[in-house]
Structure formats: C-alpha cells, structure tokens
Amino acid sequence: LVRAIQTHPVVTVTGPEGIGKTQLALATAWFLDRVLHDTAASCSPLDQVWARHVAGIASALGTTLLPELWPSVIILDGCDVLHTHCVLREYVQDFVWGLLGRQPLLRVVLTVRTPLMWTHGGGCTMPLGPLAMTDAAKLLQKSLNRPFTAADYQALELAIPPASSMSSDAMATWVQTSRVVQATRGIPSQVLALVDRLKFHESTQTTHP
C-alpha cells in the first residue's frame, strides 16, 4: 500500500469483511506519520452523515491552513454505501478530487468491499485476499503467544503432534490441517476470533479446575 500511494493519489483497498482493510490503511498511514482517519460505516441518514463527515474533514484541514500543512494521507473507511447511492458517490468524488486539486501531494485511501466506479478515473484498486492456511496457522500461533496445550488441540479437533518439539514452520504445517482452523477461511478477523476462543477456554479451565 505504501508503494501504491507513492504513485497514485487515490487508492481503494478492497476485500471481504474482516480481511484487514482498515488495519492495513491505518498502519500505512501511521507509518507515513501524518494521517486523518474518517469512518463512514455507521451512516444514517446517509446524505446528512456524509455531509458531516466531509465538513469535519474540511474543518480539520482548516479553511485558511496552507495545503502544504495538510496530512499526508486521508483515510475514508467503510465506503460500501457509495455503491448504492450515485448522487452521494459523485458528491464524495468531487470533494476528494477537489482536495487533490488544492494539494497534489495529498493521498486518499478508501476501504470498501468491492471496487467503486469513479468517473474521474479512480486511481488504483488494491484487493486484499485471505491468508494462505499456513499463514493463518502462523497468525494463530503468534497471537496465542504461548505453546499449544492439550485443551487447545482438543478445541482445534487436532491430534497432538508426535514430535515433542517442533519448529514454528512445522507447527504451522501441522495446525493448518485442523478443520477448525480451515473454517476461518484465512480471514484474519476469524483467526483472531479463534484465538479469543482458545484463551477464553483456557481461562475457564483455570478458574474452574
């Protein structure tokens, strides 16, 4: 994403719910140090709330503030509603390209499940896909942040590995065969939800031996 916004003023990050679009956009923007984040996920009524979002961004930038002092990146998060509201989409599009007209170095990142159709060209689209199952298993290991227990293997419907000591890669290869892990479909939010389930199961066992 950092490379994409170096060459495109507008980047639309797409992918299914829970894939990590917002997290990627925020991590990239914070890496670049200057960020203004705005979410539109809970808009109702849409036209009024979007107007408030746009007004809030304009106010944050400042009507008299030099464009050179604007944030490097503006994130418009959760823009799926723009698919079904053509007038609203045109309104937001005109606002975004108006900002770019004032500050060509500005970068705008939008997150949405499927690509948006822009009449101004739309910059580039960056689709995010699910993790490979081995990577999903590695995320599970890293987020759990402890060795797997017998209770974990039972919850994962997975046999305890025959080797008493395994490398991280070998363990990921073993864990990825779990039906429960495969049910996450490699979607990061689902993997993290599984981590929470394992930790909750551990806490209940500790509390109630």
C-alpha atoms as a PDB file:
ATOM      1  CA  LEU A   1       0.000   0.000   0.000  1.00  0.00           C
ATOM      2  CA  VAL A   2       2.899   2.374   0.720  1.00  0.00           C
ATOM      3  CA  ARG A   3       4.196   1.781  -2.804  1.00  0.00           C
ATOM      4  CA  ALA A   4       0.719   2.242  -4.284  1.00  0.00           C
ATOM      5  CA  ILE A   5       0.141   5.646  -2.701  1.00  0.00           C
ATOM      6  CA  GLN A   6       3.569   6.797  -3.821  1.00  0.00           C
ATOM      7  CA  THR A   7       2.346   6.673  -7.417  1.00  0.00           C
ATOM      8  CA  HIS A   8      -1.456   7.033  -7.142  1.00  0.00           C
ATOM      9  CA  PRO A   9      -3.296   9.909  -5.451  1.00  0.00           C
ATOM     10  CA  VAL A  10      -6.332   7.719  -4.713  1.00  0.00           C
ATOM     11  CA  VAL A  11      -6.076   4.060  -3.680  1.00  0.00           C
ATOM     12  CA  THR A  12      -9.132   1.911  -2.995  1.00  0.00           C
ATOM     13  CA  VAL A  13      -8.422  -1.087  -0.745  1.00  0.00           C
ATOM     14  CA  THR A  14     -10.976  -3.839  -1.362  1.00  0.00           C
ATOM     15  CA  GLY A  15     -11.765  -7.207   0.189  1.00  0.00           C
ATOM     16  CA  PRO A  16     -14.356  -9.103   2.236  1.00  0.00           C
ATOM     17  CA  GLU A  17     -15.358  -8.099   5.738  1.00  0.00           C
ATOM     18  CA  GLY A  18     -12.708  -8.920   8.333  1.00  0.00           C
ATOM     19  CA  ILE A  19      -9.882  -9.221   5.815  1.00  0.00           C
ATOM     20  CA  GLY A  20      -7.940  -6.327   7.381  1.00  0.00           C
ATOM     21  CA  LYS A  21      -8.606  -3.360   5.078  1.00  0.00           C
ATOM     22  CA  THR A  22      -8.927  -0.809   7.864  1.00  0.00           C
ATOM     23  CA  GLN A  23      -5.932  -2.153   9.780  1.00  0.00           C
ATOM     24  CA  LEU A  24      -3.743  -2.036   6.668  1.00  0.00           C
ATOM     25  CA  ALA A  25      -4.810   1.503   5.803  1.00  0.00           C
ATOM     26  CA  LEU A  26      -4.231   2.765   9.341  1.00  0.00           C
ATOM     27  CA  ALA A  27      -0.872   1.006   9.701  1.00  0.00           C
ATOM     28  CA  THR A  28       0.296   2.514   6.408  1.00  0.00           C
ATOM     29  CA  ALA A  29      -0.900   5.990   7.295  1.00  0.00           C
ATOM     30  CA  TRP A  30       0.670   5.936  10.754  1.00  0.00           C
ATOM     31  CA  PHE A  31       3.895   4.683   9.171  1.00  0.00           C
ATOM     32  CA  LEU A  32       3.809   7.800   6.999  1.00  0.00           C
ATOM     33  CA  ASP A  33       3.289   9.798  10.209  1.00  0.00           C
ATOM     34  CA  ARG A  34       0.554  12.270   9.213  1.00  0.00           C
ATOM     35  CA  VAL A  35      -2.948  10.851   8.952  1.00  0.00           C
ATOM     36  CA  LEU A  36      -6.585  11.929   9.131  1.00  0.00           C
ATOM     37  CA  HIS A  37      -8.965   8.998   9.624  1.00  0.00           C
ATOM     38  CA  ASP A  38     -12.693   9.152   8.982  1.00  0.00           C
ATOM     39  CA  THR A  39     -15.134   6.248   9.077  1.00  0.00           C
ATOM     40  CA  ALA A  40     -18.463   6.056   7.302  1.00  0.00           C
ATOM     41  CA  ALA A  41     -19.520   2.605   8.396  1.00  0.00           C
ATOM     42  CA  SER A  42     -22.492   3.716  10.509  1.00  0.00           C
ATOM     43  CA  CYS A  43     -24.009   6.392   8.285  1.00  0.00           C
ATOM     44  CA  SER A  44     -27.726   7.116   8.745  1.00  0.00           C
ATOM     45  CA  PRO A  45     -29.294   9.077   7.193  1.00  0.00           C
ATOM     46  CA  LEU A  46     -26.589   8.771   4.577  1.00  0.00           C
ATOM     47  CA  ASP A  47     -26.677  12.162   2.898  1.00  0.00           C
ATOM     48  CA  GLN A  48     -26.667  14.094   6.178  1.00  0.00           C
ATOM     49  CA  VAL A  49     -23.977  11.995   7.821  1.00  0.00           C
ATOM     50  CA  TRP A  50     -21.700  12.085   4.785  1.00  0.00           C
ATOM     51  CA  ALA A  51     -22.139  15.847   4.713  1.00  0.00           C
ATOM     52  CA  ARG A  52     -20.990  15.957   8.343  1.00  0.00           C
ATOM     53  CA  HIS A  53     -18.023  13.703   7.548  1.00  0.00           C
ATOM     54  CA  VAL A  54     -16.960  15.934   4.675  1.00  0.00           C
ATOM     55  CA  ALA A  55     -17.488  19.067   6.763  1.00  0.00           C
ATOM     56  CA  GLY A  56     -15.444  17.505   9.561  1.00  0.00           C
ATOM     57  CA  ILE A  57     -12.562  16.764   7.210  1.00  0.00           C
ATOM     58  CA  ALA A  58     -12.690  20.266   5.763  1.00  0.00           C
ATOM     59  CA  SER A  59     -12.731  21.722   9.278  1.00  0.00           C
ATOM     60  CA  ALA A  60      -9.802  19.545  10.353  1.00  0.00           C
ATOM     61  CA  LEU A  61      -7.794  20.691   7.350  1.00  0.00           C
ATOM     62  CA  GLY A  62      -8.701  24.296   8.104  1.00  0.00           C
ATOM     63  CA  THR A  63     -10.132  26.729   5.583  1.00  0.00           C
ATOM     64  CA  THR A  64      -7.108  29.010   5.864  1.00  0.00           C
ATOM     65  CA  LEU A  65      -4.479  26.360   6.564  1.00  0.00           C
ATOM     66  CA  LEU A  66      -1.872  26.051   3.861  1.00  0.00           C
ATOM     67  CA  PRO A  67      -2.346  22.810   1.875  1.00  0.00           C
ATOM     68  CA  GLU A  68       1.347  22.122   2.453  1.00  0.00           C
ATOM     69  CA  LEU A  69       0.473  21.603   6.135  1.00  0.00           C
ATOM     70  CA  TRP A  70      -2.320  19.122   5.463  1.00  0.00           C
ATOM     71  CA  PRO A  71      -1.964  15.462   6.486  1.00  0.00           C
ATOM     72  CA  SER A  72      -0.094  13.239   4.055  1.00  0.00           C
ATOM     73  CA  VAL A  73      -2.946  10.716   3.916  1.00  0.00           C
ATOM     74  CA  ILE A  74      -6.711  10.876   4.427  1.00  0.00           C
ATOM     75  CA  ILE A  75      -8.490   7.553   5.021  1.00  0.00           C
ATOM     76  CA  LEU A  76     -12.178   7.212   4.177  1.00  0.00           C
ATOM     77  CA  ASP A  77     -13.093   3.959   5.885  1.00  0.00           C
ATOM     78  CA  GLY A  78     -16.166   1.812   5.203  1.00  0.00           C
ATOM     79  CA  CYS A  79     -17.330   3.327   1.913  1.00  0.00           C
ATOM     80  CA  ASP A  80     -19.626   0.477   0.829  1.00  0.00           C
ATOM     81  CA  VAL A  81     -22.689   2.746   0.956  1.00  0.00           C
ATOM     82  CA  LEU A  82     -21.336   4.639  -2.052  1.00  0.00           C
ATOM     83  CA  HIS A  83     -22.155   1.658  -4.277  1.00  0.00           C
ATOM     84  CA  THR A  84     -25.893   2.190  -3.983  1.00  0.00           C
ATOM     85  CA  HIS A  85     -26.091   5.994  -3.811  1.00  0.00           C
ATOM     86  CA  CYS A  86     -24.945   7.523  -7.092  1.00  0.00           C
ATOM     87  CA  VAL A  87     -25.504  11.138  -6.031  1.00  0.00           C
ATOM     88  CA  LEU A  88     -23.618  10.554  -2.794  1.00  0.00           C
ATOM     89  CA  ARG A  89     -20.782   8.890  -4.695  1.00  0.00           C
ATOM     90  CA  GLU A  90     -20.499  11.892  -7.025  1.00  0.00           C
ATOM     91  CA  TYR A  91     -20.551  14.224  -4.012  1.00  0.00           C
ATOM     92  CA  VAL A  92     -17.718  12.384  -2.264  1.00  0.00           C
ATOM     93  CA  GLN A  93     -15.787  12.035  -5.510  1.00  0.00           C
ATOM     94  CA  ASP A  94     -15.984  15.766  -6.226  1.00  0.00           C
ATOM     95  CA  PHE A  95     -14.842  16.501  -2.671  1.00  0.00           C
ATOM     96  CA  VAL A  96     -11.853  14.143  -2.927  1.00  0.00           C
ATOM     97  CA  TRP A  97     -10.712  15.434  -6.292  1.00  0.00           C
ATOM     98  CA  GLY A  98     -11.255  18.993  -5.078  1.00  0.00           C
ATOM     99  CA  LEU A  99      -8.787  18.335  -2.261  1.00  0.00           C
ATOM    100  CA  LEU A 100      -6.313  16.815  -4.708  1.00  0.00           C
ATOM    101  CA  GLY A 101      -6.659  19.893  -6.883  1.00  0.00           C
ATOM    102  CA  ARG A 102      -5.529  22.035  -3.953  1.00  0.00           C
ATOM    103  CA  GLN A 103      -2.777  19.685  -2.804  1.00  0.00           C
ATOM    104  CA  PRO A 104      -1.448  17.283  -5.471  1.00  0.00           C
ATOM    105  CA  LEU A 105       0.817  15.582  -2.910  1.00  0.00           C
ATOM    106  CA  LEU A 106      -2.169  14.512  -0.796  1.00  0.00           C
ATOM    107  CA  ARG A 107      -3.075  10.819  -0.839  1.00  0.00           C
ATOM    108  CA  VAL A 108      -6.563   9.433  -0.203  1.00  0.00           C
ATOM    109  CA  VAL A 109      -7.179   5.803   0.797  1.00  0.00           C
ATOM    110  CA  LEU A 110     -10.697   4.356   0.721  1.00  0.00           C
ATOM    111  CA  THR A 111     -11.722   0.983   2.131  1.00  0.00           C
ATOM    112  CA  VAL A 112     -14.649  -0.868   0.585  1.00  0.00           C
ATOM    113  CA  ARG A 113     -15.599  -4.493  -0.023  1.00  0.00           C
ATOM    114  CA  THR A 114     -15.818  -4.233  -3.827  1.00  0.00           C
ATOM    115  CA  PRO A 115     -14.286  -1.647  -6.189  1.00  0.00           C
ATOM    116  CA  LEU A 116     -16.023   1.693  -6.653  1.00  0.00           C
ATOM    117  CA  MET A 117     -16.752   3.162 -10.071  1.00  0.00           C
ATOM    118  CA  TRP A 118     -15.278   6.657 -10.307  1.00  0.00           C
ATOM    119  CA  THR A 119     -15.954   8.974 -13.236  1.00  0.00           C
ATOM    120  CA  HIS A 120     -12.679  10.804 -12.525  1.00  0.00           C
ATOM    121  CA  GLY A 121     -10.557   7.707 -13.069  1.00  0.00           C
ATOM    122  CA  GLY A 122     -10.399   6.387  -9.523  1.00  0.00           C
ATOM    123  CA  GLY A 123      -6.648   5.956  -9.043  1.00  0.00           C
ATOM    124  CA  CYS A 124      -5.875   2.305  -8.396  1.00  0.00           C
ATOM    125  CA  THR A 125      -7.565  -0.600  -6.653  1.00  0.00           C
ATOM    126  CA  MET A 126      -5.696  -2.850  -4.234  1.00  0.00           C
ATOM    127  CA  PRO A 127      -7.583  -6.090  -3.496  1.00  0.00           C
ATOM    128  CA  LEU A 128      -6.863  -7.997  -0.292  1.00  0.00           C
ATOM    129  CA  GLY A 129      -7.383 -11.742  -0.241  1.00  0.00           C
ATOM    130  CA  PRO A 130      -7.467 -14.265   2.590  1.00  0.00           C
ATOM    131  CA  LEU A 131      -4.291 -15.650   4.113  1.00  0.00           C
ATOM    132  CA  ALA A 132      -2.870 -18.942   2.950  1.00  0.00           C
ATOM    133  CA  MET A 133      -3.769 -21.572   5.530  1.00  0.00           C
ATOM    134  CA  THR A 134      -0.136 -21.890   6.632  1.00  0.00           C
ATOM    135  CA  ASP A 135      -0.024 -18.140   7.238  1.00  0.00           C
ATOM    136  CA  ALA A 136      -3.354 -18.326   9.071  1.00  0.00           C
ATOM    137  CA  ALA A 137      -1.861 -21.001  11.332  1.00  0.00           C
ATOM    138  CA  LYS A 138       1.190 -18.802  11.939  1.00  0.00           C
ATOM    139  CA  LEU A 139      -1.073 -15.877  12.847  1.00  0.00           C
ATOM    140  CA  LEU A 140      -2.873 -18.171  15.276  1.00  0.00           C
ATOM    141  CA  GLN A 141       0.415 -19.217  16.876  1.00  0.00           C
ATOM    142  CA  LYS A 142       1.751 -15.670  17.132  1.00  0.00           C
ATOM    143  CA  SER A 143      -1.469 -14.197  18.523  1.00  0.00           C
ATOM    144  CA  LEU A 144      -1.934 -17.006  21.049  1.00  0.00           C
ATOM    145  CA  ASN A 145       1.589 -16.214  22.267  1.00  0.00           C
ATOM    146  CA  ARG A 146       2.081 -19.472  24.146  1.00  0.00           C
ATOM    147  CA  PRO A 147       2.610 -23.149  23.350  1.00  0.00           C
ATOM    148  CA  PHE A 148      -0.450 -25.152  22.364  1.00  0.00           C
ATOM    149  CA  THR A 149      -1.929 -27.184  25.202  1.00  0.00           C
ATOM    150  CA  ALA A 150      -3.820 -30.465  25.136  1.00  0.00           C
ATOM    151  CA  ALA A 151      -7.017 -28.440  25.563  1.00  0.00           C
ATOM    152  CA  ASP A 152      -6.091 -26.325  22.526  1.00  0.00           C
ATOM    153  CA  TYR A 153      -5.618 -29.415  20.375  1.00  0.00           C
ATOM    154  CA  GLN A 154      -8.956 -30.720  21.559  1.00  0.00           C
ATOM    155  CA  ALA A 155     -10.664 -27.412  20.721  1.00  0.00           C
ATOM    156  CA  LEU A 156      -8.985 -27.409  17.318  1.00  0.00           C
ATOM    157  CA  GLU A 157     -10.080 -31.020  16.757  1.00  0.00           C
ATOM    158  CA  LEU A 158      -6.456 -31.824  16.074  1.00  0.00           C
ATOM    159  CA  ALA A 159      -4.263 -34.676  17.242  1.00  0.00           C
ATOM    160  CA  ILE A 160      -1.308 -33.814  19.447  1.00  0.00           C
ATOM    161  CA  PRO A 161       1.772 -33.837  17.182  1.00  0.00           C
ATOM    162  CA  PRO A 162       4.027 -36.877  17.544  1.00  0.00           C
ATOM    163  CA  ALA A 163       7.177 -34.794  17.968  1.00  0.00           C
ATOM    164  CA  SER A 164       7.611 -33.201  21.386  1.00  0.00           C
ATOM    165  CA  SER A 165       9.462 -30.245  19.882  1.00  0.00           C
ATOM    166  CA  MET A 166       8.653 -28.685  16.503  1.00  0.00           C
ATOM    167  CA  SER A 167       9.827 -25.595  14.669  1.00  0.00           C
ATOM    168  CA  SER A 168       7.360 -22.766  14.143  1.00  0.00           C
ATOM    169  CA  ASP A 169       7.015 -23.650  10.459  1.00  0.00           C
ATOM    170  CA  ALA A 170       6.488 -27.332  11.196  1.00  0.00           C
ATOM    171  CA  MET A 171       3.880 -26.492  13.817  1.00  0.00           C
ATOM    172  CA  ALA A 172       2.062 -24.195  11.372  1.00  0.00           C
ATOM    173  CA  THR A 173       2.015 -27.007   8.827  1.00  0.00           C
ATOM    174  CA  TRP A 174       0.515 -29.299  11.464  1.00  0.00           C
ATOM    175  CA  VAL A 175      -2.046 -26.782  12.750  1.00  0.00           C
ATOM    176  CA  GLN A 176      -3.259 -25.795   9.287  1.00  0.00           C
ATOM    177  CA  THR A 177      -4.756 -29.272   8.860  1.00  0.00           C
ATOM    178  CA  SER A 178      -7.249 -28.552  11.647  1.00  0.00           C
ATOM    179  CA  ARG A 179     -10.833 -28.414  10.400  1.00  0.00           C
ATOM    180  CA  VAL A 180     -11.475 -25.588  12.862  1.00  0.00           C
ATOM    181  CA  VAL A 181      -8.552 -23.550  11.524  1.00  0.00           C
ATOM    182  CA  GLN A 182      -9.617 -24.196   7.934  1.00  0.00           C
ATOM    183  CA  ALA A 183     -13.112 -22.953   8.818  1.00  0.00           C
ATOM    184  CA  THR A 184     -11.616 -19.469   9.298  1.00  0.00           C
ATOM    185  CA  ARG A 185     -11.016 -19.419   5.510  1.00  0.00           C
ATOM    186  CA  GLY A 186      -7.818 -17.496   6.172  1.00  0.00           C
ATOM    187  CA  ILE A 187      -9.716 -14.333   7.142  1.00  0.00           C
ATOM    188  CA  PRO A 188      -7.611 -12.601   9.810  1.00  0.00           C
ATOM    189  CA  SER A 189     -10.566 -11.495  11.962  1.00  0.00           C
ATOM    190  CA  GLN A 190     -11.816 -15.091  12.057  1.00  0.00           C
ATOM    191  CA  VAL A 191      -8.376 -16.366  13.061  1.00  0.00           C
ATOM    192  CA  LEU A 192      -8.207 -13.802  15.869  1.00  0.00           C
ATOM    193  CA  ALA A 193     -11.704 -14.784  16.990  1.00  0.00           C
ATOM    194  CA  LEU A 194     -10.440 -18.365  17.233  1.00  0.00           C
ATOM    195  CA  VAL A 195      -7.531 -17.142  19.366  1.00  0.00           C
ATOM    196  CA  ASP A 196     -10.028 -15.479  21.705  1.00  0.00           C
ATOM    197  CA  ARG A 197     -11.973 -18.738  21.960  1.00  0.00           C
ATOM    198  CA  LEU A 198      -8.843 -20.670  22.904  1.00  0.00           C
ATOM    199  CA  LYS A 199      -7.859 -18.074  25.507  1.00  0.00           C
ATOM    200  CA  PHE A 200     -11.376 -18.000  26.934  1.00  0.00           C
ATOM    201  CA  HIS A 201     -11.388 -21.790  27.168  1.00  0.00           C
ATOM    202  CA  GLU A 202      -8.032 -21.624  28.963  1.00  0.00           C
ATOM    203  CA  SER A 203      -9.323 -19.022  31.438  1.00  0.00           C
ATOM    204  CA  THR A 204     -12.437 -21.030  32.279  1.00  0.00           C
ATOM    205  CA  GLN A 205     -10.340 -24.132  32.889  1.00  0.00           C
ATOM    206  CA  THR A 206      -8.051 -22.128  35.181  1.00  0.00           C
ATOM    207  CA  THR A 207     -10.984 -20.668  37.078  1.00  0.00           C
ATOM    208  CA  HIS A 208     -12.884 -23.955  37.313  1.00  0.00           C
ATOM    209  CA  PRO A 209     -10.375 -26.821  37.604  1.00  0.00           C
END
